PDB file of all heavy atoms in Angstrom:
ATOM      1  N   LYS A   1       3.703  19.990  -2.075  1.00  0.00           N
ATOM      2  CA  LYS A   1       5.101  19.665  -1.963  1.00  0.00           C
ATOM      3  C   LYS A   1       5.359  18.717  -0.784  1.00  0.00           C
ATOM      4  O   LYS A   1       6.219  17.970  -0.728  1.00  0.00           O
ATOM      5  CB  LYS A   1       6.049  20.890  -1.872  1.00  0.00           C
ATOM      6  CG  LYS A   1       5.709  21.940  -2.833  1.00  0.00           C
ATOM      7  CD  LYS A   1       5.959  21.629  -4.303  1.00  0.00           C
ATOM      8  CE  LYS A   1       5.801  22.723  -5.286  1.00  0.00           C
ATOM      9  NZ  LYS A   1       5.825  22.435  -6.657  1.00  0.00           N
ATOM     10  N   ASN A   2       4.518  18.908   0.294  1.00  0.00           N
ATOM     11  CA  ASN A   2       4.879  18.288   1.499  1.00  0.00           C
ATOM     12  C   ASN A   2       3.877  17.302   2.023  1.00  0.00           C
ATOM     13  O   ASN A   2       4.121  16.626   3.074  1.00  0.00           O
ATOM     14  CB  ASN A   2       5.158  19.362   2.662  1.00  0.00           C
ATOM     15  CG  ASN A   2       6.045  20.452   2.195  1.00  0.00           C
ATOM     16  OD1 ASN A   2       7.227  20.206   1.981  1.00  0.00           O
ATOM     17  ND2 ASN A   2       5.440  21.698   2.168  1.00  0.00           N
ATOM     18  N   THR A   3       2.812  17.227   1.368  1.00  0.00           N
ATOM     19  CA  THR A   3       1.626  16.407   1.926  1.00  0.00           C
ATOM     20  C   THR A   3       1.363  15.214   0.991  1.00  0.00           C
ATOM     21  O   THR A   3       1.354  15.396  -0.192  1.00  0.00           O
ATOM     22  CB  THR A   3       0.421  17.309   1.948  1.00  0.00           C
ATOM     23  OG1 THR A   3       0.760  18.557   2.697  1.00  0.00           O
ATOM     24  CG2 THR A   3      -0.651  16.594   2.779  1.00  0.00           C
ATOM     25  N   LYS A   4       1.042  13.981   1.605  1.00  0.00           N
ATOM     26  CA  LYS A   4       0.628  12.836   0.819  1.00  0.00           C
ATOM     27  C   LYS A   4      -0.786  13.021   0.221  1.00  0.00           C
ATOM     28  O   LYS A   4      -1.693  13.618   0.948  1.00  0.00           O
ATOM     29  CB  LYS A   4       0.620  11.620   1.694  1.00  0.00           C
ATOM     30  CG  LYS A   4       2.114  11.276   2.081  1.00  0.00           C
ATOM     31  CD  LYS A   4       2.192  10.010   2.908  1.00  0.00           C
ATOM     32  CE  LYS A   4       3.624   9.580   3.247  1.00  0.00           C
ATOM     33  NZ  LYS A   4       3.746   8.503   4.193  1.00  0.00           N
ATOM     34  N   LEU A   5      -0.992  12.585  -1.027  1.00  0.00           N
ATOM     35  CA  LEU A   5      -2.192  12.760  -1.560  1.00  0.00           C
ATOM     36  C   LEU A   5      -2.949  11.364  -1.657  1.00  0.00           C
ATOM     37  O   LEU A   5      -2.286  10.255  -1.778  1.00  0.00           O
ATOM     38  CB  LEU A   5      -2.078  13.204  -3.047  1.00  0.00           C
ATOM     39  CG  LEU A   5      -1.441  14.540  -3.213  1.00  0.00           C
ATOM     40  CD1 LEU A   5      -1.629  14.941  -4.674  1.00  0.00           C
ATOM     41  CD2 LEU A   5      -2.207  15.594  -2.397  1.00  0.00           C
ATOM     42  N   GLN A   6      -4.279  11.348  -1.263  1.00  0.00           N
ATOM     43  CA  GLN A   6      -4.837  10.148  -1.033  1.00  0.00           C
ATOM     44  C   GLN A   6      -6.184   9.992  -1.957  1.00  0.00           C
ATOM     45  O   GLN A   6      -6.697  11.007  -2.363  1.00  0.00           O
ATOM     46  CB  GLN A   6      -5.377  10.036   0.362  1.00  0.00           C
ATOM     47  CG  GLN A   6      -6.071   8.859   0.854  1.00  0.00           C
ATOM     48  CD  GLN A   6      -6.320   8.787   2.282  1.00  0.00           C
ATOM     49  OE1 GLN A   6      -5.325   9.086   3.092  1.00  0.00           O
ATOM     50  NE2 GLN A   6      -7.393   8.256   2.790  1.00  0.00           N
ATOM     51  N   MET A   7      -6.543   8.803  -2.449  1.00  0.00           N
ATOM     52  CA  MET A   7      -7.631   8.590  -3.264  1.00  0.00           C
ATOM     53  C   MET A   7      -8.568   7.469  -2.650  1.00  0.00           C
ATOM     54  O   MET A   7      -8.078   6.608  -1.941  1.00  0.00           O
ATOM     55  CB  MET A   7      -7.328   8.336  -4.675  1.00  0.00           C
ATOM     56  CG  MET A   7      -6.819   6.843  -4.781  1.00  0.00           C
ATOM     57  SD  MET A   7      -6.489   6.383  -6.590  1.00  0.00           S
ATOM     58  CE  MET A   7      -8.264   6.304  -7.173  1.00  0.00           C
ATOM     59  N   LEU A   8      -9.803   7.340  -3.150  1.00  0.00           N
ATOM     60  CA  LEU A   8     -10.697   6.360  -2.764  1.00  0.00           C
ATOM     61  C   LEU A   8     -10.952   5.454  -4.030  1.00  0.00           C
ATOM     62  O   LEU A   8     -11.336   6.002  -5.115  1.00  0.00           O
ATOM     63  CB  LEU A   8     -12.130   6.830  -2.229  1.00  0.00           C
ATOM     64  CG  LEU A   8     -13.084   5.856  -1.814  1.00  0.00           C
ATOM     65  CD1 LEU A   8     -12.664   5.175  -0.591  1.00  0.00           C
ATOM     66  CD2 LEU A   8     -14.558   6.495  -1.552  1.00  0.00           C
ATOM     67  N   PHE A   9     -10.848   4.167  -3.879  1.00  0.00           N
ATOM     68  CA  PHE A   9     -10.717   3.210  -4.893  1.00  0.00           C
ATOM     69  C   PHE A   9     -11.824   2.011  -4.551  1.00  0.00           C
ATOM     70  O   PHE A   9     -11.755   1.372  -3.569  1.00  0.00           O
ATOM     71  CB  PHE A   9      -9.393   2.634  -5.065  1.00  0.00           C
ATOM     72  CG  PHE A   9      -9.013   1.942  -6.130  1.00  0.00           C
ATOM     73  CD1 PHE A   9      -8.459   2.546  -7.346  1.00  0.00           C
ATOM     74  CD2 PHE A   9      -9.255   0.508  -6.310  1.00  0.00           C
ATOM     75  CE1 PHE A   9      -7.904   1.882  -8.344  1.00  0.00           C
ATOM     76  CE2 PHE A   9      -8.772  -0.141  -7.553  1.00  0.00           C
ATOM     77  CZ  PHE A   9      -8.227   0.610  -8.455  1.00  0.00           C
ATOM     78  N   ARG A  10     -12.728   1.701  -5.615  1.00  0.00           N
ATOM     79  CA  ARG A  10     -13.729   0.743  -5.255  1.00  0.00           C
ATOM     80  C   ARG A  10     -13.423  -0.796  -5.552  1.00  0.00           C
ATOM     81  O   ARG A  10     -14.067  -1.530  -6.279  1.00  0.00           O
ATOM     82  CB  ARG A  10     -14.963   1.004  -6.027  1.00  0.00           C
ATOM     83  CG  ARG A  10     -15.684   2.396  -5.663  1.00  0.00           C
ATOM     84  CD  ARG A  10     -16.936   2.565  -6.365  1.00  0.00           C
ATOM     85  NE  ARG A  10     -17.347   3.966  -6.142  1.00  0.00           N
ATOM     86  CZ  ARG A  10     -17.825   4.821  -7.099  1.00  0.00           C
ATOM     87  NH1 ARG A  10     -17.750   4.474  -8.398  1.00  0.00           N
ATOM     88  NH2 ARG A  10     -18.108   5.938  -6.818  1.00  0.00           N
ATOM     89  N   GLY A  11     -12.148  -1.066  -5.263  1.00  0.00           N
ATOM     90  CA  GLY A  11     -11.693  -2.507  -5.450  1.00  0.00           C
ATOM     91  C   GLY A  11     -11.761  -2.786  -6.936  1.00  0.00           C
ATOM     92  O   GLY A  11     -11.271  -2.117  -7.751  1.00  0.00           O
ATOM     93  N   GLN A  12     -12.267  -3.974  -7.210  1.00  0.00           N
ATOM     94  CA  GLN A  12     -12.406  -4.533  -8.555  1.00  0.00           C
ATOM     95  C   GLN A  12     -13.254  -3.592  -9.449  1.00  0.00           C
ATOM     96  O   GLN A  12     -13.104  -3.654 -10.748  1.00  0.00           O
ATOM     97  CB  GLN A  12     -12.915  -5.927  -8.560  1.00  0.00           C
ATOM     98  CG  GLN A  12     -12.369  -6.757  -9.739  1.00  0.00           C
ATOM     99  CD  GLN A  12     -10.915  -7.158  -9.740  1.00  0.00           C
ATOM    100  OE1 GLN A  12     -10.367  -7.320  -8.569  1.00  0.00           O
ATOM    101  NE2 GLN A  12     -10.345  -7.243 -10.904  1.00  0.00           N
ATOM    102  N   ASN A  13     -14.051  -2.658  -8.826  1.00  0.00           N
ATOM    103  CA  ASN A  13     -14.921  -1.766  -9.637  1.00  0.00           C
ATOM    104  C   ASN A  13     -14.127  -0.539  -9.896  1.00  0.00           C
ATOM    105  O   ASN A  13     -14.674   0.406 -10.555  1.00  0.00           O
ATOM    106  CB  ASN A  13     -16.210  -1.429  -8.825  1.00  0.00           C
ATOM    107  CG  ASN A  13     -17.182  -2.606  -8.777  1.00  0.00           C
ATOM    108  OD1 ASN A  13     -16.900  -3.688  -9.322  1.00  0.00           O
ATOM    109  ND2 ASN A  13     -18.225  -2.371  -7.944  1.00  0.00           N
ATOM    110  N   ILE A  14     -12.942  -0.410  -9.425  1.00  0.00           N
ATOM    111  CA  ILE A  14     -12.041   0.776  -9.561  1.00  0.00           C
ATOM    112  C   ILE A  14     -12.863   2.090  -9.159  1.00  0.00           C
ATOM    113  O   ILE A  14     -13.007   2.205  -7.924  1.00  0.00           O
ATOM    114  CB  ILE A  14     -11.574   0.947 -11.068  1.00  0.00           C
ATOM    115  CG1 ILE A  14     -11.014  -0.435 -11.492  1.00  0.00           C
ATOM    116  CG2 ILE A  14     -10.421   2.094 -11.111  1.00  0.00           C
ATOM    117  CD1 ILE A  14     -10.359  -0.424 -12.914  1.00  0.00           C
ATOM    118  N   LEU A  15     -13.295   2.902 -10.050  1.00  0.00           N
ATOM    119  CA  LEU A  15     -14.128   4.126  -9.692  1.00  0.00           C
ATOM    120  C   LEU A  15     -15.547   4.021 -10.584  1.00  0.00           C
ATOM    121  O   LEU A  15     -16.276   5.007 -10.613  1.00  0.00           O
ATOM    122  CB  LEU A  15     -13.461   5.367 -10.095  1.00  0.00           C
ATOM    123  CG  LEU A  15     -12.109   5.583  -9.506  1.00  0.00           C
ATOM    124  CD1 LEU A  15     -11.456   6.879  -9.951  1.00  0.00           C
ATOM    125  CD2 LEU A  15     -12.149   5.668  -8.060  1.00  0.00           C
ATOM    126  N   GLY A  16     -15.708   2.841 -11.049  1.00  0.00           N
ATOM    127  CA  GLY A  16     -16.919   2.562 -11.910  1.00  0.00           C
ATOM    128  C   GLY A  16     -18.048   1.830 -11.022  1.00  0.00           C
ATOM    129  O   GLY A  16     -17.952   1.726  -9.829  1.00  0.00           O
ATOM    130  N   TYR A  17     -18.837   1.223 -11.838  1.00  0.00           N
ATOM    131  CA  TYR A  17     -19.970   0.546 -11.198  1.00  0.00           C
ATOM    132  C   TYR A  17     -20.066  -0.905 -11.555  1.00  0.00           C
ATOM    133  O   TYR A  17     -21.031  -1.642 -11.317  1.00  0.00           O
ATOM    134  CB  TYR A  17     -21.246   1.256 -11.480  1.00  0.00           C
ATOM    135  CG  TYR A  17     -21.289   2.705 -11.062  1.00  0.00           C
ATOM    136  CD1 TYR A  17     -20.975   3.693 -11.990  1.00  0.00           C
ATOM    137  CD2 TYR A  17     -21.348   3.051  -9.677  1.00  0.00           C
ATOM    138  CE1 TYR A  17     -20.954   4.998 -11.573  1.00  0.00           C
ATOM    139  CE2 TYR A  17     -21.218   4.303  -9.292  1.00  0.00           C
ATOM    140  CZ  TYR A  17     -20.987   5.330 -10.184  1.00  0.00           C
ATOM    141  OH  TYR A  17     -20.953   6.658  -9.793  1.00  0.00           O
ATOM    142  N   ARG A  18     -19.057  -1.428 -12.318  1.00  0.00           N
ATOM    143  CA  ARG A  18     -18.999  -2.923 -12.644  1.00  0.00           C
ATOM    144  C   ARG A  18     -17.544  -3.435 -12.272  1.00  0.00           C
ATOM    145  O   ARG A  18     -16.610  -2.757 -12.181  1.00  0.00           O
ATOM    146  CB  ARG A  18     -19.361  -3.072 -14.012  1.00  0.00           C
ATOM    147  CG  ARG A  18     -18.202  -2.675 -15.038  1.00  0.00           C
ATOM    148  CD  ARG A  18     -18.493  -3.255 -16.479  1.00  0.00           C
ATOM    149  NE  ARG A  18     -17.557  -2.804 -17.403  1.00  0.00           N
ATOM    150  CZ  ARG A  18     -16.397  -3.442 -17.729  1.00  0.00           C
ATOM    151  NH1 ARG A  18     -16.145  -4.629 -17.049  1.00  0.00           N
ATOM    152  NH2 ARG A  18     -15.623  -2.984 -18.610  1.00  0.00           N
ATOM    153  N   PRO A  19     -17.520  -4.712 -12.079  1.00  0.00           N
ATOM    154  CA  PRO A  19     -16.203  -5.257 -11.916  1.00  0.00           C
ATOM    155  C   PRO A  19     -15.309  -5.308 -13.176  1.00  0.00           C
ATOM    156  O   PRO A  19     -15.872  -5.467 -14.192  1.00  0.00           O
ATOM    157  CB  PRO A  19     -16.375  -6.708 -11.502  1.00  0.00           C
ATOM    158  CG  PRO A  19     -17.697  -7.041 -11.854  1.00  0.00           C
ATOM    159  CD  PRO A  19     -18.517  -5.717 -11.984  1.00  0.00           C
ATOM    160  N   TYR A  20     -13.999  -4.879 -13.145  1.00  0.00           N
ATOM    161  CA  TYR A  20     -13.282  -4.861 -14.286  1.00  0.00           C
ATOM    162  C   TYR A  20     -12.099  -6.047 -14.219  1.00  0.00           C
ATOM    163  O   TYR A  20     -11.874  -6.581 -13.187  1.00  0.00           O
ATOM    164  CB  TYR A  20     -12.531  -3.506 -14.353  1.00  0.00           C
ATOM    165  CG  TYR A  20     -13.429  -2.280 -14.692  1.00  0.00           C
ATOM    166  CD1 TYR A  20     -14.210  -1.762 -13.610  1.00  0.00           C
ATOM    167  CD2 TYR A  20     -13.723  -1.982 -15.940  1.00  0.00           C
ATOM    168  CE1 TYR A  20     -15.037  -0.704 -13.897  1.00  0.00           C
ATOM    169  CE2 TYR A  20     -14.540  -0.954 -16.253  1.00  0.00           C
ATOM    170  CZ  TYR A  20     -15.319  -0.346 -15.133  1.00  0.00           C
ATOM    171  OH  TYR A  20     -16.226   0.564 -15.426  1.00  0.00           O
ATOM    172  N   ALA A  21     -11.552  -6.352 -15.371  1.00  0.00           N
ATOM    173  CA  ALA A  21     -10.494  -7.333 -15.517  1.00  0.00           C
ATOM    174  C   ALA A  21      -9.345  -6.943 -14.712  1.00  0.00           C
ATOM    175  O   ALA A  21      -9.036  -5.707 -14.582  1.00  0.00           O
ATOM    176  CB  ALA A  21     -10.175  -7.606 -16.987  1.00  0.00           C
ATOM    177  N   ASP A  22      -8.483  -7.835 -14.235  1.00  0.00           N
ATOM    178  CA  ASP A  22      -7.383  -7.512 -13.423  1.00  0.00           C
ATOM    179  C   ASP A  22      -6.344  -6.637 -14.195  1.00  0.00           C
ATOM    180  O   ASP A  22      -5.747  -5.797 -13.463  1.00  0.00           O
ATOM    181  CB  ASP A  22      -6.613  -8.810 -13.085  1.00  0.00           C
ATOM    182  CG  ASP A  22      -7.346  -9.687 -12.053  1.00  0.00           C
ATOM    183  OD1 ASP A  22      -8.255  -9.089 -11.218  1.00  0.00           O
ATOM    184  OD2 ASP A  22      -7.238 -10.850 -11.876  1.00  0.00           O
ATOM    185  N   ASP A  23      -6.271  -6.812 -15.471  1.00  0.00           N
ATOM    186  CA  ASP A  23      -5.226  -5.995 -16.147  1.00  0.00           C
ATOM    187  C   ASP A  23      -5.503  -4.437 -16.109  1.00  0.00           C
ATOM    188  O   ASP A  23      -4.725  -3.564 -16.145  1.00  0.00           O
ATOM    189  CB  ASP A  23      -4.983  -6.487 -17.660  1.00  0.00           C
ATOM    190  CG  ASP A  23      -6.254  -6.308 -18.422  1.00  0.00           C
ATOM    191  OD1 ASP A  23      -7.338  -6.237 -17.940  1.00  0.00           O
ATOM    192  OD2 ASP A  23      -5.990  -6.336 -19.800  1.00  0.00           O
ATOM    193  N   VAL A  24      -6.997  -4.124 -16.143  1.00  0.00           N
ATOM    194  CA  VAL A  24      -7.499  -2.768 -16.022  1.00  0.00           C
ATOM    195  C   VAL A  24      -7.216  -2.200 -14.540  1.00  0.00           C
ATOM    196  O   VAL A  24      -6.745  -1.100 -14.411  1.00  0.00           O
ATOM    197  CB  VAL A  24      -8.863  -2.617 -16.335  1.00  0.00           C
ATOM    198  CG1 VAL A  24      -9.366  -1.152 -16.308  1.00  0.00           C
ATOM    199  CG2 VAL A  24      -9.183  -3.165 -17.739  1.00  0.00           C
ATOM    200  N   VAL A  25      -7.506  -3.127 -13.563  1.00  0.00           N
ATOM    201  CA  VAL A  25      -7.317  -2.572 -12.136  1.00  0.00           C
ATOM    202  C   VAL A  25      -5.756  -2.311 -11.994  1.00  0.00           C
ATOM    203  O   VAL A  25      -5.426  -1.382 -11.408  1.00  0.00           O
ATOM    204  CB  VAL A  25      -7.731  -3.811 -11.210  1.00  0.00           C
ATOM    205  CG1 VAL A  25      -7.390  -3.409  -9.846  1.00  0.00           C
ATOM    206  CG2 VAL A  25      -9.217  -3.962 -11.471  1.00  0.00           C
ATOM    207  N   GLU A  26      -4.916  -3.271 -12.395  1.00  0.00           N
ATOM    208  CA  GLU A  26      -3.429  -3.060 -12.157  1.00  0.00           C
ATOM    209  C   GLU A  26      -2.961  -1.717 -12.949  1.00  0.00           C
ATOM    210  O   GLU A  26      -2.263  -1.118 -12.320  1.00  0.00           O
ATOM    211  CB  GLU A  26      -2.715  -4.240 -12.679  1.00  0.00           C
ATOM    212  CG  GLU A  26      -2.841  -5.574 -11.885  1.00  0.00           C
ATOM    213  CD  GLU A  26      -2.617  -6.830 -12.578  1.00  0.00           C
ATOM    214  OE1 GLU A  26      -2.341  -6.821 -13.780  1.00  0.00           O
ATOM    215  OE2 GLU A  26      -2.737  -7.872 -11.861  1.00  0.00           O
ATOM    216  N   TYR A  27      -3.516  -1.567 -14.127  1.00  0.00           N
ATOM    217  CA  TYR A  27      -2.986  -0.405 -14.974  1.00  0.00           C
ATOM    218  C   TYR A  27      -3.389   0.888 -14.340  1.00  0.00           C
ATOM    219  O   TYR A  27      -2.745   1.912 -14.272  1.00  0.00           O
ATOM    220  CB  TYR A  27      -3.511  -0.484 -16.402  1.00  0.00           C
ATOM    221  CG  TYR A  27      -2.836   0.460 -17.291  1.00  0.00           C
ATOM    222  CD1 TYR A  27      -1.376   0.504 -17.471  1.00  0.00           C
ATOM    223  CD2 TYR A  27      -3.587   1.182 -18.175  1.00  0.00           C
ATOM    224  CE1 TYR A  27      -0.865   1.305 -18.332  1.00  0.00           C
ATOM    225  CE2 TYR A  27      -2.942   2.044 -19.075  1.00  0.00           C
ATOM    226  CZ  TYR A  27      -1.521   2.187 -19.056  1.00  0.00           C
ATOM    227  OH  TYR A  27      -0.811   3.022 -19.971  1.00  0.00           O
ATOM    228  N   PHE A  28      -4.808   0.799 -13.659  1.00  0.00           N
ATOM    229  CA  PHE A  28      -5.190   2.001 -13.038  1.00  0.00           C
ATOM    230  C   PHE A  28      -4.469   2.459 -11.777  1.00  0.00           C
ATOM    231  O   PHE A  28      -4.105   3.513 -11.542  1.00  0.00           O
ATOM    232  CB  PHE A  28      -6.722   1.920 -12.672  1.00  0.00           C
ATOM    233  CG  PHE A  28      -7.392   3.152 -12.459  1.00  0.00           C
ATOM    234  CD1 PHE A  28      -8.240   3.702 -13.385  1.00  0.00           C
ATOM    235  CD2 PHE A  28      -7.281   3.878 -11.226  1.00  0.00           C
ATOM    236  CE1 PHE A  28      -8.914   4.876 -13.186  1.00  0.00           C
ATOM    237  CE2 PHE A  28      -7.913   4.991 -11.079  1.00  0.00           C
ATOM    238  CZ  PHE A  28      -8.694   5.651 -11.942  1.00  0.00           C
ATOM    239  N   VAL A  29      -4.130   1.389 -11.024  1.00  0.00           N
ATOM    240  CA  VAL A  29      -3.171   1.653  -9.800  1.00  0.00           C
ATOM    241  C   VAL A  29      -1.828   2.179 -10.234  1.00  0.00           C
ATOM    242  O   VAL A  29      -1.324   3.069  -9.673  1.00  0.00           O
ATOM    243  CB  VAL A  29      -3.076   0.316  -8.976  1.00  0.00           C
ATOM    244  CG1 VAL A  29      -2.034   0.455  -7.941  1.00  0.00           C
ATOM    245  CG2 VAL A  29      -4.358  -0.077  -8.430  1.00  0.00           C
ATOM    246  N   GLN A  30      -1.276   1.670 -11.370  1.00  0.00           N
ATOM    247  CA  GLN A  30      -0.049   1.922 -11.811  1.00  0.00           C
ATOM    248  C   GLN A  30       0.058   3.513 -12.184  1.00  0.00           C
ATOM    249  O   GLN A  30       0.882   4.330 -11.924  1.00  0.00           O
ATOM    250  CB  GLN A  30       0.436   1.228 -13.065  1.00  0.00           C
ATOM    251  CG  GLN A  30       1.746   1.503 -13.612  1.00  0.00           C
ATOM    252  CD  GLN A  30       1.974   0.764 -14.914  1.00  0.00           C
ATOM    253  OE1 GLN A  30       1.558  -0.304 -15.147  1.00  0.00           O
ATOM    254  NE2 GLN A  30       2.740   1.532 -15.850  1.00  0.00           N
ATOM    255  N   LYS A  31      -1.056   3.915 -12.989  1.00  0.00           N
ATOM    256  CA  LYS A  31      -1.153   5.335 -13.409  1.00  0.00           C
ATOM    257  C   LYS A  31      -1.591   6.301 -12.347  1.00  0.00           C
ATOM    258  O   LYS A  31      -1.027   7.386 -12.449  1.00  0.00           O
ATOM    259  CB  LYS A  31      -2.215   5.461 -14.658  1.00  0.00           C
ATOM    260  CG  LYS A  31      -1.702   4.778 -15.820  1.00  0.00           C
ATOM    261  CD  LYS A  31      -0.400   5.596 -16.321  1.00  0.00           C
ATOM    262  CE  LYS A  31       0.183   5.052 -17.721  1.00  0.00           C
ATOM    263  NZ  LYS A  31       1.475   5.771 -17.941  1.00  0.00           N
TER     264      LYS A  31
END
């Protein structure tokens, strides 16, 4: 209720192991 939640994000690779298209990166950040 009171604490900020944080995540680690691999840039264009998101949480995977290859680069993804910009629309996937943007949608992942949004969600």
